Amino acid sequence: MVISKCLIDGLAARGIIGAMIKQFNPKTDITMTVEQCRQFDQRAINVIGIPGVVLMENAGRSCAEIIIARLKQTGGRKVCIFCGTGNNGGDGFVIARHLHNAGLLPSVFICGEATKIKGDAELNYKIVSKMNIAVGGINPAAENVEKQIDASAGGCDLLVDAIFGTGFSGVLKGGFEKIVRKINLLGKTVVAVDCPSGLDCDTGEPAGAVIKADITVTFAAAKCGFKNPESKKFTGEIYVASIGIEPNF
C-alpha cells in the first residue's frame, strides 16, 4: 500500500518531514548494518552521554507521529500494539503512551513473558501500566494463539509490529511464526517499528514468516537490507526517524 501525498504533506506541515522524520530514498540515503546500528547506539549512550531511555523515547514518539498522521488520513482510533520483551517492545510502550495522549485508543499486547522485560523497556512498561491503557498478553506457545490474535486485534483500525527489531536473527519459532502469519491475514494497516519482525535487516531477505508492513519507521538510518528490492513487500513505505543524534556525529 502506497502512502498518499496527503500523509506526506501533513507531516511536512507539522515540521516532521525534513526535520525529525524523512522518507527513505534508496538511491541517496546512507544505510547501516545491524552491527553498525548497535555500535551507533552504544556510542550515543557511552560517548555522547544520551541515556538509552531518551533514544527510546525519541524513537517511539516518531513512530507515534506517523501513526497519528495515518489515522487522520484514513480514519479510526483503535490501535493494537504487539510488543516483544526487548527494546523493540519498549518502543511500542512509548508509542502507546503518545497515542493515548493524542486521544487515540491504543491497546498493548505483550508477546511473551512480561517478567523478561528489562532496562529501558521495563521503565516504559511500568509507565504504560499505570496509565489508562489496556495492557494484555499473548502466549506464543499456546495452541490457540491465532484466536488470541483475533480477539485482540479484530476490531482495531491499525496494528503496530513492535515484536522484534534489528537485533533478531534466524527464523521465527516458538509460536511467533503463527503470530506473524495471523497478523498478516487480518487485512489491517500495519506499521513496523524499526524493521518488520522476521526480516533479515542486513540482506532484506525473509528466513521464514515475516510481517508484511504498509509502513516501516526505522531509526537513525535505513538498514542495508532495505536497498534490496525484494524487501519492499515486507517494509512497505520506509521512513527514517532521528533518535536525537545523527550517524555522522
Protein backbone atom coordinates (compact mmCIF):
# COMPACT_ATOMS: atom_id res chain seq x y z
CA MET A 1 0.00 0.00 0.00
CA VAL A 2 1.49 3.35 -1.05
CA ILE A 3 1.26 6.26 1.34
CA SER A 4 -0.69 9.09 -0.20
CA LYS A 5 0.74 12.54 -0.80
CA CYS A 6 -1.80 13.75 1.77
CA LEU A 7 0.08 11.99 4.58
CA ILE A 8 3.45 13.28 3.42
CA ASP A 9 2.13 16.84 3.11
CA GLY A 10 0.51 16.59 6.54
CA LEU A 11 3.78 15.54 8.14
CA ALA A 12 5.67 18.28 6.33
CA ALA A 13 3.19 20.88 7.53
CA ARG A 14 3.84 19.79 11.12
CA GLY A 15 7.58 20.17 10.63
CA ILE A 16 8.25 16.42 10.76
CA ILE A 17 9.31 15.53 7.23
CA GLY A 18 12.70 17.09 6.57
CA ALA A 19 13.38 17.52 10.27
CA MET A 20 12.93 14.56 12.61
CA ILE A 21 11.48 12.17 10.03
CA LYS A 22 12.14 11.74 6.32
CA GLN A 23 11.11 9.27 3.68
CA PHE A 24 13.87 6.82 2.71
CA ASN A 25 15.50 7.28 -0.68
CA PRO A 26 17.49 4.11 -1.50
CA LYS A 27 19.46 5.93 -4.20
CA THR A 28 20.89 8.66 -1.96
CA ASP A 29 20.42 7.85 1.72
CA ILE A 30 23.01 6.09 3.83
CA THR A 31 22.28 2.69 5.32
CA MET A 32 23.73 0.79 8.27
CA THR A 33 24.20 -2.85 9.11
CA VAL A 34 22.71 -4.30 12.29
CA GLU A 35 26.17 -4.26 13.90
CA GLN A 36 26.69 -0.62 12.92
CA CYS A 37 23.33 0.22 14.49
CA ARG A 38 24.39 -1.47 17.71
CA GLN A 39 27.69 0.42 17.75
CA PHE A 40 25.90 3.67 16.94
CA ASP A 41 23.55 3.25 19.91
CA GLN A 42 26.42 2.38 22.23
CA ARG A 43 28.45 5.42 21.16
CA ALA A 44 25.42 7.67 21.58
CA ILE A 45 24.96 6.34 25.11
CA ASN A 46 28.55 5.88 26.28
CA VAL A 47 30.44 8.59 24.35
CA ILE A 48 27.90 11.37 23.86
CA GLY A 49 26.03 10.58 27.05
CA ILE A 50 22.46 10.33 25.78
CA PRO A 51 20.62 7.88 28.06
CA GLY A 52 19.15 4.86 26.30
CA VAL A 53 15.70 5.73 27.58
CA VAL A 54 15.94 9.09 25.74
CA LEU A 55 16.81 7.31 22.49
CA MET A 56 13.82 5.01 23.04
CA GLU A 57 11.57 7.99 23.74
CA ASN A 58 12.61 9.72 20.53
CA ALA A 59 12.13 6.56 18.50
CA GLY A 60 8.70 5.78 19.89
CA ARG A 61 7.45 9.32 19.59
CA SER A 62 8.45 9.45 15.91
CA CYS A 63 6.50 6.25 15.25
CA ALA A 64 3.51 7.69 17.04
CA GLU A 65 3.62 10.79 14.83
CA ILE A 66 3.45 8.63 11.71
CA ILE A 67 0.56 6.59 13.13
CA ILE A 68 -1.40 9.69 14.14
CA ALA A 69 -0.95 11.17 10.66
CA ARG A 70 -2.01 7.90 9.05
CA LEU A 71 -5.21 7.64 11.10
CA LYS A 72 -6.07 11.26 10.37
CA GLN A 73 -5.88 10.31 6.71
CA THR A 74 -7.81 7.03 6.90
CA GLY A 75 -9.97 7.46 9.99
CA GLY A 76 -10.22 5.27 13.06
CA ARG A 77 -8.89 5.48 16.62
CA LYS A 78 -8.19 1.92 17.76
CA VAL A 79 -4.58 0.79 17.57
CA CYS A 80 -3.28 -2.63 18.65
CA ILE A 81 0.41 -2.68 19.53
CA PHE A 82 2.11 -6.08 19.65
CA CYS A 83 5.21 -5.75 21.82
CA GLY A 84 8.10 -8.10 22.33
CA THR A 85 10.02 -8.29 25.58
CA GLY A 86 13.09 -6.44 24.30
CA ASN A 87 13.80 -2.84 23.31
CA ASN A 88 11.54 -3.06 20.25
CA GLY A 89 8.71 -3.69 22.68
CA GLY A 90 9.95 -0.74 24.71
CA ASP A 91 9.47 1.45 21.65
CA GLY A 92 5.94 0.05 21.46
CA PHE A 93 5.18 1.12 25.04
CA VAL A 94 6.34 4.67 24.22
CA ILE A 95 4.12 4.64 21.12
CA ALA A 96 1.12 3.59 23.22
CA ARG A 97 1.64 6.48 25.64
CA HIS A 98 1.84 9.10 22.90
CA LEU A 99 -1.17 7.70 21.06
CA HIS A 100 -3.14 7.78 24.31
CA ASN A 101 -2.08 11.38 24.92
CA ALA A 102 -3.28 12.24 21.40
CA GLY A 103 -6.76 10.96 22.19
CA LEU A 104 -6.49 7.65 20.36
CA LEU A 105 -7.33 4.24 21.82
CA PRO A 106 -4.19 2.08 21.96
CA SER A 107 -4.11 -1.44 23.35
CA VAL A 108 -0.84 -3.17 24.21
CA PHE A 109 -0.34 -6.92 23.86
CA ILE A 110 2.91 -8.36 25.19
CA CYS A 111 4.06 -11.34 23.14
CA GLY A 112 5.91 -13.40 25.71
CA GLU A 113 6.54 -13.27 29.45
CA ALA A 114 6.37 -9.76 30.90
CA THR A 115 8.95 -10.78 33.52
CA LYS A 116 11.56 -10.81 30.74
CA ILE A 117 11.16 -7.08 30.09
CA LYS A 118 14.23 -5.28 31.45
CA GLY A 119 16.07 -1.97 31.40
CA ASP A 120 14.66 0.96 29.44
CA ALA A 121 11.85 -1.20 28.09
CA GLU A 122 10.80 -2.14 31.63
CA LEU A 123 10.71 1.52 32.65
CA ASN A 124 8.32 2.34 29.81
CA TYR A 125 6.28 -0.79 30.50
CA LYS A 126 5.75 0.37 34.09
CA ILE A 127 4.67 3.81 32.88
CA VAL A 128 2.12 2.38 30.44
CA SER A 129 0.82 0.00 33.11
CA LYS A 130 -0.03 2.98 35.35
CA MET A 131 -1.94 4.81 32.63
CA ASN A 132 -5.46 4.23 31.40
CA ILE A 133 -4.17 1.98 28.61
CA ALA A 134 -5.29 -1.61 28.09
CA VAL A 135 -2.34 -3.96 28.58
CA GLY A 136 -2.72 -7.68 27.92
CA GLY A 137 -0.64 -10.67 26.98
CA ILE A 138 -0.26 -13.11 24.12
CA ASN A 139 1.22 -16.54 24.83
CA PRO A 140 3.13 -17.51 21.67
CA ALA A 141 3.31 -21.13 22.75
CA ALA A 142 -0.45 -21.50 23.24
CA GLU A 143 -2.30 -23.77 20.82
CA ASN A 144 -4.97 -21.11 20.36
CA VAL A 145 -2.54 -18.25 19.71
CA GLU A 146 -4.29 -17.39 16.43
CA LYS A 147 -7.58 -17.00 18.30
CA GLN A 148 -5.79 -14.76 20.81
CA ILE A 149 -4.70 -12.51 17.94
CA ASP A 150 -8.23 -12.44 16.52
CA ALA A 151 -9.68 -11.49 19.90
CA SER A 152 -7.02 -8.83 20.45
CA ALA A 153 -6.88 -7.15 17.06
CA GLY A 154 -10.06 -7.99 15.20
CA GLY A 155 -11.70 -4.62 15.90
CA CYS A 156 -8.63 -2.41 15.53
CA ASP A 157 -8.06 0.15 12.81
CA LEU A 158 -4.27 -0.18 12.70
CA LEU A 159 -1.70 -2.66 14.02
CA VAL A 160 1.83 -1.98 15.24
CA ASP A 161 4.58 -4.58 14.98
CA ALA A 162 6.97 -3.94 17.89
CA ILE A 163 7.81 -7.59 18.46
CA PHE A 164 11.37 -7.96 17.17
CA GLY A 165 13.70 -5.24 15.96
CA THR A 166 17.06 -5.25 14.21
CA GLY A 167 18.58 -7.49 16.87
CA PHE A 168 16.62 -10.51 15.68
CA SER A 169 18.29 -13.15 13.54
CA GLY A 170 17.35 -16.60 12.35
CA VAL A 171 13.83 -17.92 11.84
CA LEU A 172 10.76 -17.08 13.91
CA LYS A 173 9.69 -20.05 16.00
CA GLY A 174 8.11 -20.95 19.32
CA GLY A 175 4.73 -19.72 18.13
CA PHE A 176 5.96 -16.32 16.94
CA GLU A 177 5.69 -17.52 13.36
CA LYS A 178 1.98 -18.17 13.99
CA ILE A 179 1.55 -14.67 15.45
CA VAL A 180 3.17 -13.08 12.40
CA ARG A 181 1.18 -15.11 9.89
CA LYS A 182 -2.07 -14.33 11.68
CA ILE A 183 -1.32 -10.60 11.80
CA ASN A 184 -0.68 -10.71 8.05
CA LEU A 185 -4.04 -12.41 7.48
CA LEU A 186 -6.05 -9.77 9.38
CA GLY A 187 -6.00 -7.36 6.45
CA LYS A 188 -5.25 -4.33 8.63
CA THR A 189 -2.82 -1.49 8.06
CA VAL A 190 0.45 -2.48 9.76
CA VAL A 191 3.23 -0.18 10.96
CA ALA A 192 6.54 -1.92 11.70
CA VAL A 193 8.85 -0.46 14.32
CA ASP A 194 12.46 -0.24 13.04
CA CYS A 195 12.21 -3.45 11.00
CA PRO A 196 9.39 -5.89 10.18
CA SER A 197 9.63 -8.84 12.57
CA GLY A 198 11.31 -11.81 10.91
CA LEU A 199 13.13 -9.85 8.19
CA ASP A 200 16.92 -10.05 7.94
CA CYS A 201 17.83 -6.36 8.06
CA ASP A 202 21.27 -6.90 6.57
CA THR A 203 20.10 -8.77 3.48
CA GLY A 204 16.44 -7.76 3.17
CA GLU A 205 15.58 -11.42 2.77
CA PRO A 206 12.97 -13.39 4.72
CA ALA A 207 14.10 -16.51 6.55
CA GLY A 208 10.58 -17.70 7.28
CA ALA A 209 7.44 -15.89 8.46
CA VAL A 210 7.79 -12.10 8.16
CA ILE A 211 5.45 -9.24 8.98
CA LYS A 212 4.13 -7.56 5.83
CA ALA A 213 4.02 -3.90 6.82
CA ASP A 214 2.46 -0.99 4.99
CA ILE A 215 4.82 1.42 6.72
CA THR A 216 8.18 0.87 8.41
CA VAL A 217 9.57 3.57 10.69
CA THR A 218 13.26 2.88 11.14
CA PHE A 219 15.72 4.76 13.34
CA ALA A 220 18.83 6.86 12.68
CA ALA A 221 19.38 5.33 9.23
CA ALA A 222 17.74 2.78 6.99
CA LYS A 223 19.10 -0.74 7.22
CA CYS A 224 21.28 -2.19 4.46
CA GLY A 225 18.69 -4.81 3.58
CA PHE A 226 16.15 -2.14 2.74
CA LYS A 227 18.02 -1.47 -0.50
CA ASN A 228 17.11 -4.96 -1.62
CA PRO A 229 14.06 -4.51 -3.89
CA GLU A 230 12.62 -7.77 -2.53
CA SER A 231 12.35 -6.23 0.96
CA LYS A 232 9.72 -3.75 -0.26
CA LYS A 233 6.94 -6.35 0.02
CA PHE A 234 7.66 -6.55 3.77
CA THR A 235 8.65 -2.97 4.66
CA GLY A 236 6.13 -1.01 2.62
CA GLU A 237 6.95 2.69 2.66
CA ILE A 238 10.03 3.43 4.76
CA TYR A 239 10.54 6.46 7.00
CA VAL A 240 13.80 7.24 8.78
CA ALA A 241 13.36 8.89 12.17
CA SER A 242 16.03 10.70 14.13
CA ILE A 243 16.64 9.48 17.69
CA GLY A 244 18.35 12.71 18.72
CA ILE A 245 21.78 12.09 17.23
CA GLU A 246 22.79 11.51 13.62
CA PRO A 247 25.01 8.71 12.25
CA ASN A 248 27.73 11.18 11.16
CA PHE A 249 28.37 12.51 14.69
